């Protein structure tokens, strides 16, 4: 049989484990065998007196009261032994955590403590590890609060009962249920789910449990009286006790689903627009060939020297040719519109003198102005030094369209005036008229392809695509068109382009 350890052997065993045994003569305030504690703190024998008062001088001031309270509680019999943890100053000035336990082993006849035995251990490393673990746990606890959805654990037992061992704080925002309520009663989650989806929800959990396959389900809940779409995903694990534990995530996907629907609708609209553009492009090309043939034969009939037409025939041929030219112009506009919509317009921006180009457009439209009985005036600076960065052909097309509209939708005796403006590195051509004007509620629709107001439809023919083409051309040249108008008083169309 092995003999029991002696006191010295026991002390040696504890010392090897980093724990020192001390003895305190309380009336004399003498400490015995406390050298390990001083040694752990880096003090040499004789550096510190061997008394409780000397040891107390090393204890952190904030911990002294706690140590004394623990000692007094033990003397009053409130605890079975004296037990305390406190900080002690080492020789190098650092602080060590010590854990101390002790008991009075000798009392006086009148009940006063005479001798006390105890142990003390340097637990600095353990406290550091514990503090690091606490910090890590605190960080982990903070993470779910910054995740937009709900993190959860769901357990189901073989008898069909279930519980939520863990639910993150975001359940308040996503489900409208407090985490502690779900942990106390897992059936509360069914109260916010649409009743029509209960069987689907339970069935999906059954399938996941049987096959240990990932669980995924989109479902709706009522939160604050409003329907919200949620998406849940989880991975199941079979536990040794026979239960199944899911680790999962539930997120609010209401806005995401709405965005996906909008994206699908946008893609459908884009596909329809591409189909329309392709159709218009093909039809326009197919129409140009026979129309050019009709115009050519009409011109040949007008000038046929061998069989010249009569006066009546010549007028009819002239109507055919004019109508054909009008239709050919509309086809050209359609081609421009389709090219603009698919980004196929070819532009060659160059530094361009603005005044000569504006004067050229005014000269080209003076005959039209005379026919309409409208005064067309260009109020331009005399020099041709103002330059814009633009494609000459396309800018001419834009100005002819705007000035032509100002003449067309005017009244006899009216006027159209053009003037220029420079501002912040940009040049503008303003086309001002005192014609019919445009209603305020129609201004937002003005540049929509094929849109025409009721007033313009009654007064003039047209396809309603000229302004849409003009806007596309100006934007392609890095500019913009602005409109100001008052119904019955006239309009101002302004073409702004970057100065060269």
Protein backbone atom coordinates (compact mmCIF):
# COMPACT_ATOMS: atom_id res chain seq x y z
CA UNK A 1 0.00 0.00 0.00
CA UNK A 2 1.18 3.53 -0.73
CA UNK A 3 1.70 5.79 2.26
CA UNK A 4 -0.09 9.14 2.46
CA UNK A 5 1.81 12.24 1.41
CA UNK A 6 3.44 14.26 4.17
CA UNK A 7 2.90 18.02 4.49
CA UNK A 8 6.24 18.82 2.91
CA UNK A 9 5.59 16.44 0.03
CA UNK A 10 2.13 17.95 -0.49
CA UNK A 11 3.59 21.42 -0.56
CA UNK A 12 6.20 20.33 -3.09
CA UNK A 13 3.52 18.81 -5.32
CA UNK A 14 1.41 21.97 -5.21
CA UNK A 15 4.47 24.15 -5.80
CA UNK A 16 5.30 22.18 -8.93
CA UNK A 17 1.78 23.00 -10.16
CA UNK A 18 2.31 26.72 -9.53
CA UNK A 19 0.37 26.85 -6.26
CA UNK A 20 1.98 27.96 -3.03
CA UNK A 21 0.88 26.99 0.50
CA UNK A 22 1.06 29.71 3.15
CA UNK A 23 0.54 29.89 6.88
CA UNK A 24 -0.50 33.06 8.70
CA UNK A 25 0.05 33.73 12.38
CA UNK A 26 -2.78 36.21 12.76
CA UNK A 27 -2.03 37.84 16.16
CA UNK A 28 1.65 38.32 15.26
CA UNK A 29 0.89 39.06 11.58
CA UNK A 30 3.61 36.71 10.40
CA UNK A 31 3.45 34.85 7.08
CA UNK A 32 5.26 31.56 6.67
CA UNK A 33 6.07 29.64 3.49
CA UNK A 34 4.84 32.49 1.27
CA UNK A 35 8.03 32.63 -0.76
CA UNK A 36 6.48 31.16 -3.95
CA UNK A 37 4.10 34.09 -4.33
CA UNK A 38 6.95 36.60 -4.02
CA UNK A 39 9.05 34.53 -6.39
CA UNK A 40 6.26 34.49 -9.01
CA UNK A 41 6.14 38.28 -8.78
CA UNK A 42 9.89 38.60 -9.32
CA UNK A 43 10.86 39.60 -5.75
CA UNK A 44 13.99 38.21 -4.10
CA UNK A 45 13.93 36.99 -0.47
CA UNK A 46 14.01 39.99 1.85
CA UNK A 47 12.62 42.45 -0.74
CA UNK A 48 9.20 42.38 0.92
CA UNK A 49 8.38 41.77 4.56
CA UNK A 50 6.72 38.44 5.46
CA UNK A 51 3.51 39.89 6.86
CA UNK A 52 -0.06 40.27 5.66
CA UNK A 53 0.31 44.04 5.91
CA UNK A 54 3.32 43.94 3.59
CA UNK A 55 1.44 41.68 1.15
CA UNK A 56 -1.61 43.95 1.21
CA UNK A 57 0.62 46.85 0.15
CA UNK A 58 1.18 45.02 -3.15
CA UNK A 59 -2.53 44.45 -3.86
CA UNK A 60 -4.22 46.74 -6.39
CA UNK A 61 -6.04 49.55 -4.52
CA UNK A 62 -9.27 48.73 -6.34
CA UNK A 63 -9.16 45.12 -5.11
CA UNK A 64 -8.32 45.68 -1.43
CA UNK A 65 -11.90 46.25 -0.33
CA UNK A 66 -13.07 43.10 -2.07
CA UNK A 67 -10.37 41.02 -0.46
CA UNK A 68 -11.23 42.34 3.03
CA UNK A 69 -14.97 41.79 2.41
CA UNK A 70 -14.33 38.16 1.41
CA UNK A 71 -12.24 37.62 4.57
CA UNK A 72 -14.90 39.13 6.86
CA UNK A 73 -17.67 37.14 5.19
CA UNK A 74 -15.71 33.96 5.90
CA UNK A 75 -15.15 34.91 9.57
CA UNK A 76 -18.91 35.52 9.95
CA UNK A 77 -19.56 32.02 8.63
CA UNK A 78 -21.25 33.19 5.46
CA UNK A 79 -18.86 31.18 3.27
CA UNK A 80 -17.22 27.81 3.98
CA UNK A 81 -13.74 29.20 3.25
CA UNK A 82 -11.98 32.42 2.42
CA UNK A 83 -11.80 32.77 -1.34
CA UNK A 84 -10.75 35.80 -3.36
CA UNK A 85 -9.18 36.82 -6.67
CA UNK A 86 -7.24 40.07 -6.93
CA UNK A 87 -4.39 41.84 -8.69
CA UNK A 88 -0.88 42.11 -7.21
CA UNK A 89 1.95 44.38 -8.34
CA UNK A 90 5.07 42.55 -9.58
CA UNK A 91 8.60 43.86 -9.19
CA UNK A 92 8.64 45.07 -12.82
CA UNK A 93 5.48 47.13 -12.20
CA UNK A 94 3.09 44.80 -14.02
CA UNK A 95 -0.04 43.40 -12.43
CA UNK A 96 -0.59 39.70 -11.81
CA UNK A 97 -3.87 38.03 -10.97
CA UNK A 98 -3.72 35.81 -7.86
CA UNK A 99 -6.37 33.42 -6.65
CA UNK A 100 -6.31 32.78 -2.93
CA UNK A 101 -8.14 30.29 -0.68
CA UNK A 102 -7.75 29.66 3.05
CA UNK A 103 -9.28 28.47 6.31
CA UNK A 104 -8.68 29.24 9.98
CA UNK A 105 -7.22 26.13 11.58
CA UNK A 106 -6.86 27.47 15.14
CA UNK A 107 -9.22 29.64 17.16
CA UNK A 108 -8.86 31.20 20.62
CA UNK A 109 -11.12 30.31 23.50
CA UNK A 110 -13.15 33.45 22.91
CA UNK A 111 -13.58 32.64 19.19
CA UNK A 112 -10.84 34.82 17.68
CA UNK A 113 -8.81 33.44 14.72
CA UNK A 114 -5.23 32.53 15.61
CA UNK A 115 -3.78 30.58 12.68
CA UNK A 116 -4.84 30.28 9.08
CA UNK A 117 -3.67 27.98 6.26
CA UNK A 118 -4.23 28.63 2.60
CA UNK A 119 -3.07 28.49 -1.00
CA UNK A 120 -2.41 31.09 -3.64
CA UNK A 121 -2.00 30.63 -7.37
CA UNK A 122 -0.88 33.00 -10.11
CA UNK A 123 -3.83 32.88 -12.53
CA UNK A 124 -2.68 35.73 -14.78
CA UNK A 125 -2.52 33.48 -17.84
CA UNK A 126 -5.97 32.01 -17.15
CA UNK A 127 -7.42 35.49 -16.66
CA UNK A 128 -5.83 36.70 -19.89
CA UNK A 129 -7.29 33.74 -21.74
CA UNK A 130 -10.65 34.29 -20.11
CA UNK A 131 -10.60 37.99 -21.00
CA UNK A 132 -9.62 37.19 -24.57
CA UNK A 133 -12.44 34.65 -24.75
CA UNK A 134 -14.89 37.21 -23.33
CA UNK A 135 -13.81 39.77 -25.92
CA UNK A 136 -14.13 37.17 -28.67
CA UNK A 137 -17.59 36.17 -27.43
CA UNK A 138 -18.63 39.80 -27.27
CA UNK A 139 -17.52 40.29 -30.85
CA UNK A 140 -19.37 37.18 -31.93
CA UNK A 141 -22.48 38.41 -30.15
CA UNK A 142 -22.21 41.72 -32.00
CA UNK A 143 -21.95 40.12 -35.45
CA UNK A 144 -25.57 38.87 -35.67
CA UNK A 145 -26.79 42.38 -34.85
CA UNK A 146 -25.15 43.70 -38.01
CA UNK A 147 -26.44 40.89 -40.25
CA UNK A 148 -29.61 41.98 -42.07
CA UNK A 149 -31.36 38.64 -41.54
CA UNK A 150 -32.06 36.24 -38.67
CA UNK A 151 -29.50 33.61 -37.63
CA UNK A 152 -31.12 30.67 -35.89
CA UNK A 153 -30.82 27.11 -34.63
CA UNK A 154 -33.93 24.92 -34.88
CA UNK A 155 -34.12 21.53 -33.19
CA UNK A 156 -36.68 18.83 -33.81
CA UNK A 157 -36.98 15.76 -31.61
CA UNK A 158 -38.05 12.29 -32.78
CA UNK A 159 -41.45 12.76 -31.07
CA UNK A 160 -42.12 15.81 -33.27
CA UNK A 161 -41.57 18.48 -30.62
CA UNK A 162 -39.34 21.38 -31.61
CA UNK A 163 -37.53 24.39 -30.21
CA UNK A 164 -35.25 27.27 -31.16
CA UNK A 165 -32.03 26.90 -29.09
CA UNK A 166 -30.76 30.15 -30.62
CA UNK A 167 -32.39 33.10 -32.41
CA UNK A 168 -30.55 36.33 -33.16
CA UNK A 169 -31.85 39.77 -32.21
CA UNK A 170 -32.82 40.59 -35.80
CA UNK A 171 -35.90 38.38 -35.42
CA UNK A 172 -37.67 41.48 -34.06
CA UNK A 173 -37.14 43.32 -37.35
CA UNK A 174 -37.59 40.41 -39.77
CA UNK A 175 -40.27 38.29 -38.10
CA UNK A 176 -41.76 40.81 -35.70
CA UNK A 177 -41.09 38.37 -32.84
CA UNK A 178 -38.69 38.73 -29.91
CA UNK A 179 -35.90 36.10 -29.67
CA UNK A 180 -36.82 35.08 -26.13
CA UNK A 181 -40.44 34.50 -27.22
CA UNK A 182 -39.31 32.13 -29.98
CA UNK A 183 -36.93 30.31 -27.66
CA UNK A 184 -39.74 29.84 -25.15
CA UNK A 185 -42.36 28.75 -27.71
CA UNK A 186 -41.29 27.71 -31.21
CA UNK A 187 -44.91 27.61 -32.44
CA UNK A 188 -45.06 31.42 -32.27
CA UNK A 189 -43.37 31.58 -35.65
CA UNK A 190 -46.40 29.93 -37.25
CA UNK A 191 -48.62 32.75 -36.02
CA UNK A 192 -46.99 35.27 -38.40
CA UNK A 193 -46.85 32.93 -41.43
CA UNK A 194 -49.78 32.86 -43.82
CA UNK A 195 -52.04 29.97 -42.80
CA UNK A 196 -52.22 28.77 -46.41
CA UNK A 197 -48.45 28.13 -46.29
CA UNK A 198 -48.39 26.12 -43.05
CA UNK A 199 -48.55 22.72 -44.74
CA UNK A 200 -45.85 23.73 -47.22
CA UNK A 201 -43.62 24.95 -44.40
CA UNK A 202 -44.02 21.78 -42.31
CA UNK A 203 -43.68 19.56 -45.37
CA UNK A 204 -40.40 21.20 -46.39
CA UNK A 205 -39.02 20.61 -42.88
CA UNK A 206 -40.09 16.94 -43.04
CA UNK A 207 -38.29 16.43 -46.35
CA UNK A 208 -35.12 18.12 -45.08
CA UNK A 209 -35.17 16.02 -41.90
CA UNK A 210 -35.67 12.67 -43.66
CA UNK A 211 -33.01 13.23 -46.33
CA UNK A 212 -30.76 15.53 -44.29
CA UNK A 213 -30.92 17.83 -47.30
CA UNK A 214 -30.62 21.64 -47.18
CA UNK A 215 -33.87 23.41 -46.32
CA UNK A 216 -34.95 26.36 -48.46
CA UNK A 217 -38.32 28.07 -48.65
CA UNK A 218 -39.80 31.40 -49.69
CA UNK A 219 -42.81 32.37 -47.59
CA UNK A 220 -44.85 35.40 -46.60
CA UNK A 221 -45.44 36.89 -43.15
CA UNK A 222 -47.52 39.74 -41.80
CA UNK A 223 -45.37 42.35 -40.08
CA UNK A 224 -46.88 45.55 -38.74
CA UNK A 225 -49.96 44.80 -40.79
CA UNK A 226 -47.98 44.61 -44.04
CA UNK A 227 -47.11 41.47 -46.06
CA UNK A 228 -43.39 40.77 -46.33
CA UNK A 229 -41.66 38.11 -48.39
CA UNK A 230 -39.03 36.07 -46.53
CA UNK A 231 -36.51 33.47 -47.66
CA UNK A 232 -35.21 30.81 -45.30
CA UNK A 233 -32.21 28.50 -45.77
CA UNK A 234 -30.73 25.99 -43.33
CA UNK A 235 -28.49 22.92 -43.13
CA UNK A 236 -29.56 19.95 -40.97
CA UNK A 237 -27.39 17.72 -38.75
CA UNK A 238 -28.41 14.54 -36.95
CA UNK A 239 -27.49 14.77 -33.28
CA UNK A 240 -26.38 11.79 -31.13
CA UNK A 241 -29.62 12.04 -29.10
CA UNK A 242 -31.67 11.43 -32.27
CA UNK A 243 -32.78 15.02 -32.74
CA UNK A 244 -32.17 17.03 -35.90
CA UNK A 245 -30.53 20.43 -35.57
CA UNK A 246 -30.72 23.01 -38.33
CA UNK A 247 -28.36 25.99 -38.55
CA UNK A 248 -30.00 28.59 -40.74
CA UNK A 249 -30.71 32.10 -41.90
CA UNK A 250 -33.94 33.97 -42.72
CA UNK A 251 -33.86 37.21 -44.70
CA UNK A 252 -36.41 39.72 -45.92
CA UNK A 253 -36.39 39.57 -49.73
CA UNK A 254 -39.43 41.76 -50.41
CA UNK A 255 -37.43 44.50 -52.14
CA UNK A 256 -35.16 41.96 -53.86
CA UNK A 257 -38.11 40.11 -55.40
CA UNK A 258 -39.66 43.40 -56.47
CA UNK A 259 -36.36 44.37 -58.08
CA UNK A 260 -36.16 41.00 -59.87
CA UNK A 261 -39.70 41.46 -61.18
CA UNK A 262 -38.86 44.97 -62.36
CA UNK A 263 -35.72 43.66 -64.03
CA UNK A 264 -37.70 40.95 -65.86
CA UNK A 265 -40.26 43.53 -66.96
CA UNK A 266 -37.47 45.85 -68.11
CA UNK A 267 -35.84 43.04 -70.08
CA UNK A 268 -39.20 42.23 -71.69
CA UNK A 269 -39.69 45.88 -72.61
CA UNK A 270 -36.19 46.08 -74.01
CA UNK A 271 -36.79 42.95 -76.07
CA UNK A 272 -40.03 44.43 -77.39
CA UNK A 273 -38.25 47.70 -78.18
CA UNK A 274 -35.51 45.84 -80.04
CA UNK A 275 -38.11 43.90 -82.01
CA UNK A 276 -39.94 47.14 -82.86
CA UNK A 277 -36.69 48.84 -83.88
CA UNK A 278 -35.68 45.92 -86.06
CA UNK A 279 -39.14 45.84 -87.67
CA UNK A 280 -39.10 49.57 -88.40
CA UNK A 281 -35.61 49.38 -89.81
CA UNK A 282 -36.47 46.51 -92.14
CA UNK A 283 -39.78 48.01 -93.25
CA UNK A 284 -38.13 51.39 -93.89
CA UNK A 285 -35.45 49.82 -96.05
CA UNK A 286 -38.02 47.72 -97.95
CA UNK A 287 -40.19 50.78 -98.62
CA UNK A 288 -37.44 52.97 -99.99
CA UNK A 289 -36.77 50.87 -103.11
CA UNK A 290 -40.31 50.76 -104.57
CA UNK A 291 -40.94 54.35 -103.50
CA UNK A 292 -37.85 55.57 -105.35
CA UNK A 293 -39.10 53.68 -108.41
CA UNK A 294 -42.50 55.41 -108.17
CA UNK A 295 -40.86 58.83 -107.86
CA UNK A 296 -38.54 58.09 -110.78
CA UNK A 297 -41.37 57.06 -113.10
CA UNK A 298 -43.42 60.11 -112.04
CA UNK A 299 -40.52 62.40 -112.95
CA UNK A 300 -40.05 60.63 -116.29
CA UNK A 301 -43.73 61.04 -117.13
CA UNK A 302 -43.55 64.77 -116.29
CA UNK A 303 -40.71 65.40 -118.78
CA UNK A 304 -41.58 62.81 -121.47
CA UNK A 305 -40.91 64.67 -124.76
CA UNK A 306 -42.60 62.11 -126.99
CA UNK A 307 -45.84 61.88 -125.03
CA UNK A 308 -46.00 65.01 -122.87
CA UNK A 309 -48.70 65.02 -120.20
CA UNK A 310 -51.62 67.39 -120.30
CA UNK A 311 -51.95 70.16 -117.73
CA UNK A 312 -54.26 68.03 -115.60
CA UNK A 313 -51.97 65.05 -115.79
CA UNK A 314 -48.99 67.20 -114.87
CA UNK A 315 -50.77 68.42 -111.73
CA UNK A 316 -51.58 64.83 -110.75
CA UNK A 317 -47.98 63.74 -111.39
CA UNK A 318 -46.77 66.66 -109.27
CA UNK A 319 -49.04 65.51 -106.39
CA UNK A 320 -47.65 61.97 -106.73
CA UNK A 321 -44.09 63.29 -106.63
CA UNK A 322 -44.69 65.63 -103.65
CA UNK A 323 -46.50 62.95 -101.67
CA UNK A 324 -43.73 60.49 -102.47
CA UNK A 325 -41.08 62.96 -101.36
CA UNK A 326 -42.99 63.51 -98.10
CA UNK A 327 -43.24 59.76 -97.56
CA UNK A 328 -39.56 59.32 -98.37
CA UNK A 329 -38.70 61.98 -95.77
CA UNK A 330 -40.78 60.15 -93.18
CA UNK A 331 -38.99 56.89 -94.00
CA UNK A 332 -35.66 58.66 -93.57
CA UNK A 333 -36.82 59.95 -90.19
CA UNK A 334 -37.84 56.41 -89.18
CA UNK A 335 -34.38 55.12 -90.10
CA UNK A 336 -32.76 57.88 -88.07
CA UNK A 337 -34.99 57.07 -85.11
CA UNK A 338 -34.18 53.37 -85.21
CA UNK A 339 -30.47 54.10 -85.50
CA UNK A 340 -30.68 56.50 -82.53
CA UNK A 341 -32.47 53.91 -80.37
CA UNK A 342 -29.82 51.25 -81.01
CA UNK A 343 -26.90 53.68 -80.90
CA UNK A 344 -26.20 53.28 -84.61
CA UNK A 345 -26.10 56.94 -85.57
CA UNK A 346 -22.81 57.96 -87.16
CA UNK A 347 -21.58 61.37 -86.02
CA UNK A 348 -18.35 63.21 -86.76
CA UNK A 349 -18.10 66.11 -84.29
CA UNK A 350 -15.69 68.84 -85.40
CA UNK A 351 -15.09 72.47 -84.37
CA UNK A 352 -17.86 74.23 -86.25
CA UNK A 353 -18.56 77.94 -86.82
CA UNK A 354 -22.09 78.34 -85.51
CA UNK A 355 -23.17 81.62 -87.13
CA UNK A 356 -22.72 80.55 -90.81
CA UNK A 357 -24.58 77.27 -90.17
CA UNK A 358 -27.52 79.06 -88.54
CA UNK A 359 -27.62 81.59 -91.40
CA UNK A 360 -27.63 78.73 -93.90
CA UNK A 361 -30.61 77.06 -92.18
CA UNK A 362 -32.53 80.36 -92.09
CA UNK A 363 -31.88 80.92 -95.80
CA UNK A 364 -33.09 77.38 -96.63
CA UNK A 365 -36.37 77.93 -94.76
CA UNK A 366 -37.15 81.47 -95.94
CA UNK A 367 -39.35 80.18 -98.80
CA UNK A 368 -41.35 78.09 -96.30
CA UNK A 369 -41.70 81.12 -94.05
CA UNK A 370 -43.02 83.15 -96.95
CA UNK A 371 -45.61 80.50 -97.80
CA UNK A 372 -46.71 80.29 -94.12
CA UNK A 373 -46.85 84.10 -93.81
CA UNK A 374 -44.42 84.05 -90.86
CA UNK A 375 -41.46 86.42 -90.44
CA UNK A 376 -38.20 84.45 -89.97
CA UNK A 377 -35.35 86.52 -88.48
CA UNK A 378 -31.84 85.53 -87.33
CA UNK A 379 -30.59 87.92 -84.64
CA UNK A 380 -26.95 86.80 -84.68
CA UNK A 381 -23.64 88.34 -83.67
CA UNK A 382 -21.91 89.69 -86.79
CA UNK A 383 -18.71 87.65 -86.54
CA UNK A 384 -18.42 83.94 -87.23
CA UNK A 385 -16.02 83.29 -84.37
CA UNK A 386 -18.40 81.30 -82.16
CA UNK A 387 -17.58 77.61 -82.54
CA UNK A 388 -19.24 74.47 -81.19
CA UNK A 389 -18.12 70.87 -81.22
CA UNK A 390 -20.75 69.21 -83.39
CA UNK A 391 -21.48 67.17 -86.51
CA UNK A 392 -22.39 69.75 -89.23
CA UNK A 393 -24.90 67.52 -91.03
CA UNK A 394 -26.70 66.43 -87.86
CA UNK A 395 -26.76 69.91 -86.32
CA UNK A 396 -28.21 71.27 -89.54
CA UNK A 397 -30.87 68.52 -89.38
CA UNK A 398 -31.75 69.52 -85.80
CA UNK A 399 -32.02 73.24 -86.54
CA UNK A 400 -34.08 72.67 -89.68
CA UNK A 401 -36.49 70.53 -87.65
CA UNK A 402 -36.87 73.05 -84.83
CA UNK A 403 -37.21 76.10 -87.08
CA UNK A 404 -39.52 74.17 -89.45
CA UNK A 405 -41.78 73.26 -86.50
CA UNK A 406 -41.80 76.90 -85.34
CA UNK A 407 -42.98 77.96 -88.81
CA UNK A 408 -45.44 75.10 -89.20
CA UNK A 409 -47.20 75.52 -85.86
CA UNK A 410 -47.55 79.28 -86.05
CA UNK A 411 -50.15 81.66 -87.42
CA UNK A 412 -50.16 84.11 -90.37
CA UNK A 413 -48.44 87.30 -89.31
CA UNK A 414 -46.45 85.53 -86.65
CA UNK A 415 -42.68 85.50 -86.24
CA UNK A 416 -39.77 83.14 -85.53
CA UNK A 417 -36.51 84.55 -84.19
CA UNK A 418 -33.14 82.88 -83.67
CA UNK A 419 -30.43 84.19 -81.38
CA UNK A 420 -27.29 82.81 -79.73
CA UNK A 421 -26.05 82.68 -76.15
CA UNK A 422 -22.76 81.69 -74.49
CA UNK A 423 -22.61 80.39 -70.92
CA UNK A 424 -20.09 78.35 -68.91
CA UNK A 425 -18.24 76.83 -71.88
CA UNK A 426 -21.44 76.15 -73.83
CA UNK A 427 -23.21 77.79 -76.76
CA UNK A 428 -26.96 77.84 -77.34
CA UNK A 429 -29.16 78.44 -80.35
CA UNK A 430 -32.55 79.71 -79.18
CA UNK A 431 -35.50 79.26 -81.57
CA UNK A 432 -38.29 81.55 -80.29
CA UNK A 433 -41.78 81.89 -81.78
CA UNK A 434 -45.16 83.39 -80.96
CA UNK A 435 -47.13 80.47 -82.32
CA UNK A 436 -49.56 77.99 -80.83
CA UNK A 437 -47.51 77.09 -77.77
CA UNK A 438 -47.65 73.83 -75.81
CA UNK A 439 -49.74 72.96 -72.75
CA UNK A 440 -47.80 72.41 -69.53
CA UNK A 441 -49.06 68.82 -69.11
CA UNK A 442 -47.88 67.96 -72.63
CA UNK A 443 -44.29 69.19 -72.23
CA UNK A 444 -43.03 65.93 -70.61
CA UNK A 445 -44.33 63.96 -73.63
CA UNK A 446 -42.87 66.28 -76.25
CA UNK A 447 -39.82 64.15 -77.13
CA UNK A 448 -41.58 60.77 -77.02
CA UNK A 449 -41.51 59.07 -80.45
CA UNK A 450 -44.80 59.18 -82.37
CA UNK A 451 -46.50 61.44 -79.81
CA UNK A 452 -48.40 64.42 -81.14
CA UNK A 453 -50.76 66.76 -79.33
CA UNK A 454 -54.38 66.96 -80.37
CA UNK A 455 -53.82 70.55 -81.55
CA UNK A 456 -50.97 69.64 -83.90
CA UNK A 457 -52.82 66.61 -85.26
CA UNK A 458 -55.71 68.81 -86.29
CA UNK A 459 -53.54 71.43 -87.98
CA UNK A 460 -50.70 69.48 -89.64
CA UNK A 461 -49.71 66.03 -90.86
CA UNK A 462 -46.66 64.33 -89.38
CA UNK A 463 -45.35 61.21 -87.71
CA UNK A 464 -44.30 62.85 -84.45
CA UNK A 465 -40.71 61.63 -84.51
CA UNK A 466 -38.79 64.77 -85.53
CA UNK A 467 -38.27 66.04 -81.97
CA UNK A 468 -37.30 62.56 -80.71
CA UNK A 469 -34.61 62.39 -83.42
CA UNK A 470 -33.46 65.95 -82.69
CA UNK A 471 -33.06 65.19 -78.99
CA UNK A 472 -31.13 61.96 -79.70
CA UNK A 473 -28.80 63.80 -82.08
CA UNK A 474 -28.10 66.64 -79.67
CA UNK A 475 -27.46 64.24 -76.79
CA UNK A 476 -25.13 62.21 -79.01
CA UNK A 477 -23.14 65.42 -79.61
CA UNK A 478 -22.84 66.01 -75.85
CA UNK A 479 -25.58 68.64 -75.62
CA UNK A 480 -29.20 69.00 -74.58
CA UNK A 481 -32.47 70.56 -75.72
CA UNK A 482 -34.50 72.73 -73.35
CA UNK A 483 -38.09 73.85 -73.90
CA UNK A 484 -40.16 76.70 -72.48
CA UNK A 485 -43.69 77.21 -73.71
CA UNK A 486 -47.01 78.86 -72.92
CA UNK A 487 -50.15 77.63 -74.59
CA UNK A 488 -51.37 80.24 -77.05
CA UNK A 489 -48.31 82.49 -76.60
CA UNK A 490 -45.44 80.59 -78.23
CA UNK A 491 -42.39 78.51 -77.40
CA UNK A 492 -38.62 78.66 -77.04
CA UNK A 493 -36.51 75.64 -78.03
CA UNK A 494 -32.87 75.95 -76.94
CA UNK A 495 -30.08 73.74 -78.30
CA UNK A 496 -27.06 73.74 -75.95
CA UNK A 497 -23.76 72.35 -77.23
CA UNK A 498 -20.19 72.38 -75.89
CA UNK A 499 -18.07 75.23 -77.17
CA UNK A 500 -15.12 74.13 -79.27
